[in-house]
Amino acid sequence: MPDPVAHFDPDCRRCPRLAGFLAELRGEHPDYWNKPVPAFGDSAAKLLIVGLAPGRHGANATGRPFTGDFAGILLYRTLHELGLASAAESVRRDDDLKLLGCRITNAVKCLPPQNKPTTSEVNTCNSFLTAELQALRAGAVILALGTIAHRAVLRAFSLKQADFRFAHGARHRLDDDRWLVDSYHCSRYNTQTGRLTAEMFSSALAEAKRLAIASP
């Protein structure tokens, strides 16, 4: 079932640069998804993972977050190891993979050129993230993958950036009901340079899971 329009608009054209880029790609890759990518997972989850944006040959191709690109390899493998996914690999939108007690979304729903959204594009898309966060259950935990996702979450909660500094593994109490946990993004660059190891990522995700389980 598609998300309500408040959470997601499959026909969104609010960002002219992104809409134009997707239109170009529909000509180059007509078999790709090439439109805003919806969230994936348990709609009643207590753990929400927020990434940056769809990858060109990943989510933009498949229509599922972190599916078909390098970053998804570590993400789904770790989710499976921690009992949060039914399989260790996300292959395509219509496979049998299920997320267990968690959900994945992005700060920006459309693929940006060079995988770099502008500040204006992140802010324009923030209304969708805000709706997703408002719909979370009490006691929910958000895992932000990277600085842009971290800042987008804070913006959605109308919180000051200076009061919640991004750092890998950091925990932030957002209000009485919600936690924010930070992780470096599981991108090819971060993992291949050693900035983010599999152990570091697993530790951050495990902490987010622990907080979600511990909350009432």
N, C-alpha and C. Protein backbone atom coordinates (compact mmCIF):
# COMPACT_ATOMS: atom_id res chain seq x y z
N MET A 1 0.85 -1.19 0.00
CA MET A 1 0.00 0.00 0.00
C MET A 1 0.89 1.24 0.00
N PRO A 2 0.64 2.23 -0.88
CA PRO A 2 1.49 3.43 -0.92
C PRO A 2 1.30 4.28 0.31
N ASP A 3 2.34 5.04 0.66
CA ASP A 3 2.24 5.94 1.79
C ASP A 3 1.24 7.04 1.48
N PRO A 4 0.58 7.60 2.52
CA PRO A 4 -0.29 8.76 2.30
C PRO A 4 0.52 9.90 1.71
N VAL A 5 -0.17 10.79 1.00
CA VAL A 5 0.52 11.91 0.34
C VAL A 5 1.28 12.75 1.36
N ALA A 6 0.78 12.84 2.61
CA ALA A 6 1.48 13.62 3.63
C ALA A 6 2.88 13.09 3.86
N HIS A 7 3.06 11.78 3.72
CA HIS A 7 4.36 11.15 3.93
C HIS A 7 5.16 11.08 2.64
N PHE A 8 4.45 11.02 1.52
CA PHE A 8 5.13 10.74 0.26
C PHE A 8 4.24 11.12 -0.92
N ASP A 9 4.83 11.73 -1.92
CA ASP A 9 4.10 12.10 -3.13
C ASP A 9 4.86 11.53 -4.33
N PRO A 10 4.34 10.47 -4.96
CA PRO A 10 5.06 9.85 -6.08
C PRO A 10 5.16 10.76 -7.30
N ASP A 11 4.37 11.80 -7.34
CA ASP A 11 4.37 12.72 -8.48
C ASP A 11 4.99 14.08 -8.13
N CYS A 12 5.73 14.13 -7.02
CA CYS A 12 6.29 15.41 -6.57
C CYS A 12 7.21 16.02 -7.63
N ARG A 13 7.05 17.33 -7.85
CA ARG A 13 7.90 18.09 -8.78
C ARG A 13 8.32 19.41 -8.13
N ARG A 14 8.43 19.41 -6.83
CA ARG A 14 8.71 20.65 -6.12
C ARG A 14 10.10 21.21 -6.39
N CYS A 15 11.03 20.33 -6.70
CA CYS A 15 12.41 20.77 -6.95
C CYS A 15 12.69 20.68 -8.44
N PRO A 16 12.70 21.81 -9.15
CA PRO A 16 12.85 21.79 -10.61
C PRO A 16 14.11 21.06 -11.08
N ARG A 17 15.23 21.26 -10.39
CA ARG A 17 16.47 20.61 -10.81
C ARG A 17 16.35 19.09 -10.73
N LEU A 18 15.78 18.59 -9.63
CA LEU A 18 15.64 17.15 -9.46
C LEU A 18 14.62 16.57 -10.43
N ALA A 19 13.51 17.27 -10.62
CA ALA A 19 12.49 16.80 -11.56
C ALA A 19 13.06 16.74 -12.98
N GLY A 20 13.85 17.74 -13.35
CA GLY A 20 14.46 17.76 -14.67
C GLY A 20 15.47 16.65 -14.84
N PHE A 21 16.24 16.38 -13.81
CA PHE A 21 17.25 15.32 -13.86
C PHE A 21 16.59 13.96 -14.03
N LEU A 22 15.50 13.72 -13.30
CA LEU A 22 14.79 12.45 -13.42
C LEU A 22 14.17 12.30 -14.81
N ALA A 23 13.70 13.40 -15.37
CA ALA A 23 13.14 13.36 -16.72
C ALA A 23 14.21 12.95 -17.73
N GLU A 24 15.43 13.47 -17.57
CA GLU A 24 16.53 13.06 -18.44
C GLU A 24 16.83 11.56 -18.31
N LEU A 25 16.84 11.10 -17.07
CA LEU A 25 17.18 9.69 -16.83
C LEU A 25 16.10 8.75 -17.35
N ARG A 26 14.86 9.21 -17.40
CA ARG A 26 13.81 8.36 -17.96
C ARG A 26 14.09 8.06 -19.43
N GLY A 27 14.76 9.00 -20.11
CA GLY A 27 15.16 8.76 -21.48
C GLY A 27 16.35 7.83 -21.58
N GLU A 28 17.33 7.99 -20.66
CA GLU A 28 18.54 7.17 -20.68
C GLU A 28 18.29 5.75 -20.15
N HIS A 29 17.46 5.66 -19.11
CA HIS A 29 17.19 4.37 -18.45
C HIS A 29 15.68 4.19 -18.28
N PRO A 30 14.97 3.89 -19.34
CA PRO A 30 13.52 3.79 -19.25
C PRO A 30 13.02 2.65 -18.35
N ASP A 31 13.90 1.71 -18.05
CA ASP A 31 13.51 0.59 -17.18
C ASP A 31 13.74 0.89 -15.71
N TYR A 32 14.34 2.04 -15.40
CA TYR A 32 14.57 2.43 -14.01
C TYR A 32 13.29 3.00 -13.38
N TRP A 33 13.28 3.07 -12.04
CA TRP A 33 12.17 3.66 -11.30
C TRP A 33 12.02 5.14 -11.66
N ASN A 34 13.10 5.92 -11.54
CA ASN A 34 13.18 7.31 -12.01
C ASN A 34 12.06 8.22 -11.50
N LYS A 35 11.77 8.14 -10.23
CA LYS A 35 10.81 9.05 -9.59
C LYS A 35 11.07 9.02 -8.09
N PRO A 36 10.35 9.82 -7.30
CA PRO A 36 10.59 9.80 -5.86
C PRO A 36 10.48 8.37 -5.31
N VAL A 37 11.37 8.05 -4.37
CA VAL A 37 11.43 6.70 -3.81
C VAL A 37 10.75 6.69 -2.43
N PRO A 38 9.75 5.84 -2.24
CA PRO A 38 9.04 5.80 -0.96
C PRO A 38 9.86 5.09 0.12
N ALA A 39 9.44 5.27 1.35
CA ALA A 39 10.04 4.55 2.47
C ALA A 39 9.74 3.06 2.33
N PHE A 40 10.51 2.25 3.03
CA PHE A 40 10.34 0.80 2.97
C PHE A 40 10.42 0.23 4.38
N GLY A 41 9.48 -0.68 4.69
CA GLY A 41 9.55 -1.37 5.97
C GLY A 41 8.26 -1.31 6.75
N ASP A 42 8.38 -1.60 8.02
CA ASP A 42 7.25 -1.69 8.95
C ASP A 42 6.69 -0.30 9.22
N SER A 43 5.43 -0.07 8.87
CA SER A 43 4.82 1.25 9.07
C SER A 43 4.62 1.58 10.55
N ALA A 44 4.66 0.56 11.42
CA ALA A 44 4.52 0.78 12.86
C ALA A 44 5.85 0.59 13.59
N ALA A 45 6.94 0.72 12.86
CA ALA A 45 8.27 0.46 13.44
C ALA A 45 8.63 1.46 14.53
N LYS A 46 9.46 1.00 15.46
CA LYS A 46 10.02 1.89 16.48
C LYS A 46 11.42 2.35 16.12
N LEU A 47 11.95 1.87 15.02
CA LEU A 47 13.27 2.28 14.55
C LEU A 47 13.15 2.76 13.11
N LEU A 48 13.49 4.03 12.87
CA LEU A 48 13.48 4.60 11.53
C LEU A 48 14.91 4.96 11.13
N ILE A 49 15.36 4.42 10.01
CA ILE A 49 16.69 4.72 9.48
C ILE A 49 16.53 5.77 8.39
N VAL A 50 17.28 6.87 8.53
CA VAL A 50 17.17 7.97 7.57
C VAL A 50 18.49 8.10 6.82
N GLY A 51 18.44 7.86 5.51
CA GLY A 51 19.61 8.04 4.66
C GLY A 51 19.60 9.41 4.01
N LEU A 52 20.45 9.57 3.01
CA LEU A 52 20.56 10.86 2.33
C LEU A 52 19.58 10.98 1.18
N ALA A 53 19.79 10.19 0.12
CA ALA A 53 18.96 10.27 -1.09
C ALA A 53 19.15 8.99 -1.88
N PRO A 54 18.25 8.70 -2.82
CA PRO A 54 18.42 7.50 -3.64
C PRO A 54 19.72 7.54 -4.45
N GLY A 55 20.33 6.37 -4.65
CA GLY A 55 21.50 6.27 -5.50
C GLY A 55 21.08 6.10 -6.96
N ARG A 56 21.91 6.59 -7.87
CA ARG A 56 21.56 6.60 -9.30
C ARG A 56 21.23 5.20 -9.83
N HIS A 57 22.09 4.24 -9.54
CA HIS A 57 21.88 2.89 -10.04
C HIS A 57 21.41 1.95 -8.91
N GLY A 58 21.00 2.55 -7.80
CA GLY A 58 20.47 1.79 -6.68
C GLY A 58 18.99 2.03 -6.54
N ALA A 59 18.61 2.81 -5.52
CA ALA A 59 17.18 3.05 -5.26
C ALA A 59 16.48 3.73 -6.42
N ASN A 60 17.19 4.61 -7.14
CA ASN A 60 16.56 5.26 -8.29
C ASN A 60 16.24 4.25 -9.40
N ALA A 61 16.98 3.15 -9.43
CA ALA A 61 16.72 2.11 -10.42
C ALA A 61 15.66 1.13 -9.93
N THR A 62 15.71 0.79 -8.65
CA THR A 62 14.86 -0.29 -8.13
C THR A 62 13.57 0.20 -7.47
N GLY A 63 13.58 1.45 -6.97
CA GLY A 63 12.40 1.96 -6.28
C GLY A 63 12.32 1.59 -4.82
N ARG A 64 13.42 1.05 -4.26
CA ARG A 64 13.46 0.72 -2.83
C ARG A 64 14.74 1.31 -2.24
N PRO A 65 14.66 1.97 -1.08
CA PRO A 65 15.86 2.57 -0.48
C PRO A 65 17.01 1.57 -0.32
N PHE A 66 18.21 2.01 -0.70
CA PHE A 66 19.45 1.24 -0.50
C PHE A 66 19.42 -0.13 -1.19
N THR A 67 18.71 -0.23 -2.28
CA THR A 67 18.61 -1.51 -2.98
C THR A 67 19.23 -1.39 -4.36
N GLY A 68 20.29 -2.18 -4.60
CA GLY A 68 20.97 -2.16 -5.87
C GLY A 68 22.25 -1.35 -5.88
N ASP A 69 22.61 -0.75 -4.73
CA ASP A 69 23.85 0.03 -4.69
C ASP A 69 24.77 -0.49 -3.60
N PHE A 70 25.98 0.02 -3.58
CA PHE A 70 27.01 -0.46 -2.66
C PHE A 70 26.62 -0.23 -1.20
N ALA A 71 26.05 0.93 -0.89
CA ALA A 71 25.70 1.25 0.50
C ALA A 71 24.72 0.24 1.08
N GLY A 72 23.84 -0.29 0.24
CA GLY A 72 22.85 -1.24 0.74
C GLY A 72 23.43 -2.57 1.15
N ILE A 73 24.61 -2.90 0.63
CA ILE A 73 25.22 -4.20 0.98
C ILE A 73 25.46 -4.28 2.48
N LEU A 74 26.14 -3.27 3.02
CA LEU A 74 26.42 -3.26 4.45
C LEU A 74 25.15 -3.05 5.27
N LEU A 75 24.28 -2.17 4.80
CA LEU A 75 23.07 -1.87 5.57
C LEU A 75 22.21 -3.12 5.76
N TYR A 76 21.84 -3.78 4.68
CA TYR A 76 20.93 -4.92 4.81
C TYR A 76 21.60 -6.12 5.47
N ARG A 77 22.89 -6.29 5.24
CA ARG A 77 23.60 -7.39 5.91
C ARG A 77 23.59 -7.18 7.42
N THR A 78 23.82 -5.94 7.83
CA THR A 78 23.82 -5.65 9.27
C THR A 78 22.43 -5.75 9.86
N LEU A 79 21.43 -5.28 9.14
CA LEU A 79 20.05 -5.42 9.60
C LEU A 79 19.71 -6.89 9.82
N HIS A 80 20.13 -7.73 8.89
CA HIS A 80 19.85 -9.17 9.01
C HIS A 80 20.58 -9.77 10.21
N GLU A 81 21.83 -9.39 10.39
CA GLU A 81 22.61 -9.92 11.52
C GLU A 81 21.99 -9.54 12.86
N LEU A 82 21.33 -8.38 12.90
CA LEU A 82 20.72 -7.91 14.15
C LEU A 82 19.25 -8.30 14.26
N GLY A 83 18.78 -9.13 13.37
CA GLY A 83 17.40 -9.60 13.44
C GLY A 83 16.37 -8.58 13.00
N LEU A 84 16.79 -7.61 12.18
CA LEU A 84 15.88 -6.56 11.74
C LEU A 84 15.46 -6.72 10.28
N ALA A 85 15.96 -7.74 9.61
CA ALA A 85 15.59 -8.01 8.22
C ALA A 85 15.54 -9.51 8.01
N SER A 86 14.63 -9.94 7.14
CA SER A 86 14.45 -11.38 6.92
C SER A 86 15.52 -11.99 6.03
N ALA A 87 16.29 -11.14 5.35
CA ALA A 87 17.37 -11.62 4.49
C ALA A 87 18.53 -10.63 4.55
N ALA A 88 19.70 -11.10 4.12
CA ALA A 88 20.90 -10.27 4.21
C ALA A 88 21.13 -9.42 2.98
N GLU A 89 20.28 -9.56 1.96
CA GLU A 89 20.47 -8.81 0.73
C GLU A 89 19.13 -8.34 0.19
N SER A 90 19.07 -7.07 -0.17
CA SER A 90 17.89 -6.51 -0.82
C SER A 90 18.16 -6.49 -2.32
N VAL A 91 17.42 -7.28 -3.06
CA VAL A 91 17.72 -7.49 -4.48
C VAL A 91 16.88 -6.57 -5.37
N ARG A 92 15.59 -6.53 -5.12
CA ARG A 92 14.70 -5.74 -5.96
C ARG A 92 13.45 -5.38 -5.16
N ARG A 93 12.67 -4.48 -5.70
CA ARG A 93 11.49 -3.97 -5.01
C ARG A 93 10.46 -5.06 -4.69
N ASP A 94 10.34 -6.04 -5.56
CA ASP A 94 9.30 -7.05 -5.39
C ASP A 94 9.85 -8.39 -4.87
N ASP A 95 11.03 -8.39 -4.22
CA ASP A 95 11.49 -9.64 -3.63
C ASP A 95 10.75 -9.88 -2.32
N ASP A 96 11.13 -10.93 -1.62
CA ASP A 96 10.39 -11.30 -0.40
C ASP A 96 10.99 -10.72 0.88
N LEU A 97 11.95 -9.84 0.74
CA LEU A 97 12.59 -9.27 1.93
C LEU A 97 11.58 -8.51 2.79
N LYS A 98 11.66 -8.72 4.09
CA LYS A 98 10.82 -8.01 5.06
C LYS A 98 11.73 -7.35 6.10
N LEU A 99 11.40 -6.12 6.47
CA LEU A 99 12.07 -5.48 7.60
C LEU A 99 11.25 -5.74 8.85
N LEU A 100 11.93 -6.00 9.95
CA LEU A 100 11.28 -6.44 11.19
C LEU A 100 11.46 -5.38 12.27
N GLY A 101 10.43 -4.60 12.50
CA GLY A 101 10.49 -3.57 13.52
C GLY A 101 11.27 -2.34 13.12
N CYS A 102 11.58 -2.19 11.86
CA CYS A 102 12.30 -0.99 11.42
C CYS A 102 11.80 -0.56 10.04
N ARG A 103 12.21 0.63 9.65
CA ARG A 103 11.76 1.25 8.41
C ARG A 103 12.92 2.10 7.88
N ILE A 104 13.03 2.20 6.56
CA ILE A 104 14.11 2.97 5.95
C ILE A 104 13.51 4.05 5.06
N THR A 105 14.03 5.26 5.17
CA THR A 105 13.61 6.36 4.33
C THR A 105 14.83 7.21 3.99
N ASN A 106 14.61 8.30 3.27
CA ASN A 106 15.70 9.21 2.93
C ASN A 106 15.29 10.65 3.21
N ALA A 107 16.28 11.48 3.50
CA ALA A 107 16.02 12.90 3.72
C ALA A 107 15.52 13.56 2.45
N VAL A 108 16.01 13.09 1.31
CA VAL A 108 15.59 13.58 -0.01
C VAL A 108 15.08 12.38 -0.79
N LYS A 109 13.88 12.46 -1.32
CA LYS A 109 13.24 11.30 -1.95
C LYS A 109 13.67 11.09 -3.40
N CYS A 110 14.22 12.10 -4.04
CA CYS A 110 14.61 12.00 -5.45
C CYS A 110 16.13 11.98 -5.60
N LEU A 111 16.59 11.30 -6.63
CA LEU A 111 18.02 11.27 -6.94
C LEU A 111 18.52 12.66 -7.32
N PRO A 112 19.56 13.17 -6.64
CA PRO A 112 20.17 14.45 -7.04
C PRO A 112 21.38 14.21 -7.94
N PRO A 113 21.69 15.13 -8.84
CA PRO A 113 22.91 15.00 -9.65
C PRO A 113 24.15 14.87 -8.75
N GLN A 114 25.06 13.99 -9.12
CA GLN A 114 26.28 13.72 -8.35
C GLN A 114 25.99 13.31 -6.90
N ASN A 115 24.78 12.84 -6.66
CA ASN A 115 24.37 12.43 -5.31
C ASN A 115 24.50 13.55 -4.29
N LYS A 116 24.36 14.80 -4.75
CA LYS A 116 24.52 15.94 -3.85
C LYS A 116 23.31 16.88 -3.96
N PRO A 117 22.34 16.73 -3.05
CA PRO A 117 21.22 17.66 -3.06
C PRO A 117 21.65 19.03 -2.54
N THR A 118 21.00 20.07 -3.02
CA THR A 118 21.27 21.40 -2.49
C THR A 118 20.55 21.56 -1.15
N THR A 119 20.96 22.57 -0.41
CA THR A 119 20.29 22.84 0.88
C THR A 119 18.81 23.11 0.66
N SER A 120 18.50 23.86 -0.40
CA SER A 120 17.10 24.15 -0.72
C SER A 120 16.32 22.88 -0.99
N GLU A 121 16.90 21.92 -1.68
CA GLU A 121 16.21 20.66 -1.99
C GLU A 121 15.99 19.84 -0.73
N VAL A 122 16.99 19.81 0.14
CA VAL A 122 16.82 19.09 1.41
C VAL A 122 15.69 19.73 2.22
N ASN A 123 15.66 21.04 2.26
CA ASN A 123 14.63 21.74 3.03
C ASN A 123 13.25 21.57 2.41
N THR A 124 13.18 21.58 1.08
CA THR A 124 11.89 21.41 0.41
C THR A 124 11.30 20.04 0.70
N CYS A 125 12.14 19.02 0.73
CA CYS A 125 11.69 17.66 0.97
C CYS A 125 11.43 17.39 2.46
N ASN A 126 11.80 18.32 3.31
CA ASN A 126 11.71 18.07 4.75
C ASN A 126 10.29 17.90 5.25
N SER A 127 9.31 18.44 4.53
CA SER A 127 7.92 18.28 4.97
C SER A 127 7.51 16.81 4.95
N PHE A 128 8.04 16.05 3.99
CA PHE A 128 7.72 14.62 3.93
C PHE A 128 8.37 13.89 5.11
N LEU A 129 9.63 14.22 5.40
CA LEU A 129 10.30 13.60 6.54
C LEU A 129 9.61 13.98 7.84
N THR A 130 9.19 15.22 7.94
CA THR A 130 8.48 15.65 9.15
C THR A 130 7.23 14.82 9.37
N ALA A 131 6.47 14.58 8.31
CA ALA A 131 5.27 13.76 8.43
C ALA A 131 5.60 12.34 8.85
N GLU A 132 6.68 11.80 8.31
CA GLU A 132 7.09 10.44 8.70
C GLU A 132 7.47 10.38 10.18
N LEU A 133 8.20 11.39 10.63
CA LEU A 133 8.64 11.40 12.03
C LEU A 133 7.46 11.61 12.97
N GLN A 134 6.52 12.44 12.58
CA GLN A 134 5.35 12.67 13.42
C GLN A 134 4.48 11.42 13.56
N ALA A 135 4.57 10.54 12.56
CA ALA A 135 3.76 9.32 12.59
C ALA A 135 4.42 8.19 13.38
N LEU A 136 5.65 8.40 13.83
CA LEU A 136 6.34 7.35 14.59
C LEU A 136 5.66 7.09 15.92
N ARG A 137 5.77 5.87 16.38
CA ARG A 137 5.25 5.50 17.69
C ARG A 137 6.03 6.19 18.80
N ALA A 138 5.38 6.33 19.95
CA ALA A 138 6.09 6.85 21.12
C ALA A 138 7.25 5.91 21.44
N GLY A 139 8.37 6.49 21.83
CA GLY A 139 9.54 5.69 22.15
C GLY A 139 10.37 5.31 20.94
N ALA A 140 10.06 5.89 19.79
CA ALA A 140 10.77 5.54 18.57
C ALA A 140 12.20 6.10 18.58
N VAL A 141 13.05 5.44 17.82
CA VAL A 141 14.45 5.83 17.68
C VAL A 141 14.74 6.08 16.21
N ILE A 142 15.48 7.14 15.92
CA ILE A 142 15.87 7.47 14.56
C ILE A 142 17.37 7.28 14.43
N LEU A 143 17.80 6.55 13.42
CA LEU A 143 19.22 6.40 13.11
C LEU A 143 19.51 7.24 11.87
N ALA A 144 20.31 8.28 12.03
CA ALA A 144 20.67 9.16 10.92
C ALA A 144 21.97 8.70 10.30
N LEU A 145 21.95 8.45 9.00
CA LEU A 145 23.15 8.03 8.28
C LEU A 145 23.79 9.25 7.63
N GLY A 146 24.72 9.85 8.33
CA GLY A 146 25.42 11.01 7.80
C GLY A 146 24.89 12.34 8.31
N THR A 147 25.69 13.37 8.07
CA THR A 147 25.39 14.71 8.60
C THR A 147 24.13 15.30 8.00
N ILE A 148 23.92 15.13 6.70
CA ILE A 148 22.73 15.74 6.08
C ILE A 148 21.46 15.12 6.64
N ALA A 149 21.43 13.81 6.81
CA ALA A 149 20.26 13.16 7.41
C ALA A 149 20.07 13.64 8.85
N HIS A 150 21.16 13.74 9.59
CA HIS A 150 21.12 14.24 10.97
C HIS A 150 20.48 15.63 11.03
N ARG A 151 20.94 16.52 10.17
CA ARG A 151 20.41 17.88 10.16
C ARG A 151 18.96 17.92 9.72
N ALA A 152 18.60 17.05 8.78
CA ALA A 152 17.22 17.02 8.30
C ALA A 152 16.26 16.58 9.41
N VAL A 153 16.70 15.62 10.22
CA VAL A 153 15.88 15.18 11.35
C VAL A 153 15.69 16.31 12.35
N LEU A 154 16.76 17.01 12.67
CA LEU A 154 16.66 18.13 13.61
C LEU A 154 15.74 19.21 13.08
N ARG A 155 15.85 19.50 11.78
CA ARG A 155 14.97 20.50 11.18
C ARG A 155 13.50 20.08 11.29
N ALA A 156 13.25 18.81 11.07
CA ALA A 156 11.88 18.30 11.16
C ALA A 156 11.30 18.46 12.56
N PHE A 157 12.16 18.40 13.57
CA PHE A 157 11.72 18.58 14.95
C PHE A 157 11.85 20.04 15.42
N SER A 158 12.27 20.94 14.51
CA SER A 158 12.47 22.36 14.84
C SER A 158 13.47 22.52 15.98
N LEU A 159 14.54 21.74 15.95
CA LEU A 159 15.57 21.79 16.98
C LEU A 159 16.82 22.49 16.43
N LYS A 160 17.59 23.11 17.31
CA LYS A 160 18.78 23.84 16.91
C LYS A 160 19.93 22.88 16.61
N GLN A 161 20.56 23.10 15.46
CA GLN A 161 21.68 22.24 15.07
C GLN A 161 22.81 22.29 16.10
N ALA A 162 23.06 23.46 16.65
CA ALA A 162 24.19 23.63 17.56
C ALA A 162 24.02 22.83 18.85
N ASP A 163 22.79 22.47 19.18
CA ASP A 163 22.54 21.74 20.42
C ASP A 163 22.70 20.24 20.26
N PHE A 164 22.86 19.78 19.02
CA PHE A 164 22.94 18.34 18.76
C PHE A 164 24.02 18.10 17.70
N ARG A 165 25.24 18.01 18.14
CA ARG A 165 26.38 17.87 17.23
C ARG A 165 26.46 16.45 16.68
N PHE A 166 26.67 16.35 15.36
CA PHE A 166 26.80 15.04 14.75
C PHE A 166 28.14 14.40 15.13
N ALA A 167 28.10 13.13 15.46
CA ALA A 167 29.31 12.33 15.70
C ALA A 167 28.92 10.87 15.59
N HIS A 168 29.77 10.10 14.96
CA HIS A 168 29.43 8.68 14.81
C HIS A 168 29.23 8.04 16.18
N GLY A 169 28.08 7.37 16.34
CA GLY A 169 27.77 6.70 17.59
C GLY A 169 27.13 7.58 18.64
N ALA A 170 26.99 8.87 18.33
CA ALA A 170 26.39 9.78 19.31
C ALA A 170 24.91 9.49 19.50
N ARG A 171 24.43 9.70 20.74
CA ARG A 171 23.00 9.56 21.05
C ARG A 171 22.48 10.92 21.47
N HIS A 172 21.31 11.28 20.98
CA HIS A 172 20.71 12.57 21.30
C HIS A 172 19.27 12.35 21.75
N ARG A 173 18.94 12.86 22.91
CA ARG A 173 17.55 12.80 23.40
C ARG A 173 16.80 13.96 22.77
N LEU A 174 15.88 13.68 21.86
CA LEU A 174 15.17 14.74 21.15
C LEU A 174 14.01 15.30 21.95
N ASP A 175 13.30 14.42 22.64
CA ASP A 175 12.18 14.83 23.49
C ASP A 175 11.92 13.67 24.44
N ASP A 176 10.79 13.70 25.12
CA ASP A 176 10.50 12.64 26.09
C ASP A 176 10.30 11.29 25.43
N ASP A 177 9.99 11.29 24.15
CA ASP A 177 9.61 10.04 23.49
C ASP A 177 10.62 9.51 22.48
N ARG A 178 11.56 10.35 22.01
CA ARG A 178 12.37 9.92 20.87
C ARG A 178 13.87 10.17 21.07
N TRP A 179 14.66 9.25 20.52
CA TRP A 179 16.12 9.35 20.49
C TRP A 179 16.58 9.48 19.04
N LEU A 180 17.70 10.15 18.86
CA LEU A 180 18.40 10.19 17.58
C LEU A 180 19.79 9.60 17.80
N VAL A 181 20.16 8.62 16.97
CA VAL A 181 21.49 8.02 17.00
C VAL A 181 22.17 8.33 15.67
N ASP A 182 23.43 8.71 15.72
CA ASP A 182 24.18 9.07 14.51
C ASP A 182 25.10 7.95 14.06
N SER A 183 25.24 7.84 12.75
CA SER A 183 26.24 6.95 12.16
C SER A 183 26.79 7.61 10.91
N TYR A 184 28.06 7.37 10.62
CA TYR A 184 28.55 7.74 9.30
C TYR A 184 27.73 6.98 8.27
N HIS A 185 27.55 7.59 7.11
CA HIS A 185 26.80 6.93 6.04
C HIS A 185 27.58 5.71 5.56
N CYS A 186 26.84 4.65 5.25
CA CYS A 186 27.49 3.40 4.81
C CYS A 186 27.78 3.44 3.31
N SER A 187 28.35 4.52 2.86
CA SER A 187 28.67 4.72 1.45
C SER A 187 29.94 3.96 1.07
N ARG A 188 30.14 3.80 -0.23
CA ARG A 188 31.35 3.15 -0.72
C ARG A 188 32.60 3.90 -0.25
N TYR A 189 32.56 5.24 -0.34
CA TYR A 189 33.72 6.04 0.06
C TYR A 189 34.06 5.82 1.53
N ASN A 190 33.05 5.89 2.40
CA ASN A 190 33.32 5.76 3.84
C ASN A 190 33.83 4.38 4.21
N THR A 191 33.27 3.35 3.59
CA THR A 191 33.70 1.99 3.95
C THR A 191 35.04 1.63 3.34
N GLN A 192 35.29 2.06 2.11
CA GLN A 192 36.55 1.70 1.47
C GLN A 192 37.73 2.49 2.02
N THR A 193 37.49 3.69 2.55
CA THR A 193 38.57 4.47 3.15
C THR A 193 38.79 4.10 4.61
N GLY A 194 37.90 3.29 5.17
CA GLY A 194 38.04 2.90 6.57
C GLY A 194 37.45 3.87 7.55
N ARG A 195 36.84 4.94 7.05
CA ARG A 195 36.19 5.88 7.96
C ARG A 195 35.07 5.17 8.73
N LEU A 196 34.39 4.26 8.04
CA LEU A 196 33.35 3.47 8.67
C LEU A 196 33.65 2.00 8.45
N THR A 197 33.84 1.26 9.53
CA THR A 197 34.04 -0.18 9.43
C THR A 197 32.72 -0.89 9.69
N ALA A 198 32.68 -2.16 9.32
CA ALA A 198 31.47 -2.95 9.57
C ALA A 198 31.17 -3.01 11.06
N GLU A 199 32.21 -3.08 11.86
CA GLU A 199 32.02 -3.14 13.32
C GLU A 199 31.46 -1.83 13.85
N MET A 200 31.94 -0.71 13.34
CA MET A 200 31.43 0.59 13.76
C MET A 200 29.96 0.74 13.40
N PHE A 201 29.62 0.33 12.18
CA PHE A 201 28.24 0.46 11.74
C PHE A 201 27.32 -0.45 12.55
N SER A 202 27.75 -1.67 12.77
CA SER A 202 26.95 -2.61 13.56
C SER A 202 26.72 -2.09 14.97
N SER A 203 27.74 -1.47 15.55
CA SER A 203 27.62 -0.94 16.90
C SER A 203 26.58 0.17 16.97
N ALA A 204 26.60 1.09 16.00
CA ALA A 204 25.63 2.19 15.99
C ALA A 204 24.22 1.67 15.78
N LEU A 205 24.05 0.73 14.86
CA LEU A 205 22.73 0.18 14.60
C LEU A 205 22.22 -0.64 15.78
N ALA A 206 23.12 -1.37 16.41
CA ALA A 206 22.74 -2.16 17.59
C ALA A 206 22.30 -1.26 18.73
N GLU A 207 22.98 -0.11 18.89
CA GLU A 207 22.59 0.82 19.94
C GLU A 207 21.21 1.41 19.65
N ALA A 208 20.94 1.72 18.39
CA ALA A 208 19.61 2.23 18.04
C ALA A 208 18.54 1.18 18.32
N LYS A 209 18.84 -0.06 17.98
CA LYS A 209 17.89 -1.14 18.27
C LYS A 209 17.67 -1.30 19.77
N ARG A 210 18.76 -1.24 20.54
CA ARG A 210 18.66 -1.39 22.00
C ARG A 210 17.76 -0.31 22.60
N LEU A 211 17.97 0.92 22.17
CA LEU A 211 17.15 2.02 22.68
C LEU A 211 15.68 1.84 22.32
N ALA A 212 15.43 1.36 21.10
CA ALA A 212 14.05 1.15 20.67
C ALA A 212 13.37 0.06 21.49
N ILE A 213 14.11 -1.00 21.79
CA ILE A 213 13.55 -2.09 22.59
C ILE A 213 13.33 -1.64 24.03
N ALA A 214 14.25 -0.85 24.55
CA ALA A 214 14.18 -0.43 25.95
C ALA A 214 13.09 0.60 26.21
N SER A 215 12.69 1.34 25.20
CA SER A 215 11.68 2.38 25.41
C SER A 215 10.30 1.77 25.55
N PRO A 216 9.43 2.38 26.34
CA PRO A 216 8.09 1.82 26.55
C PRO A 216 7.24 1.87 25.30
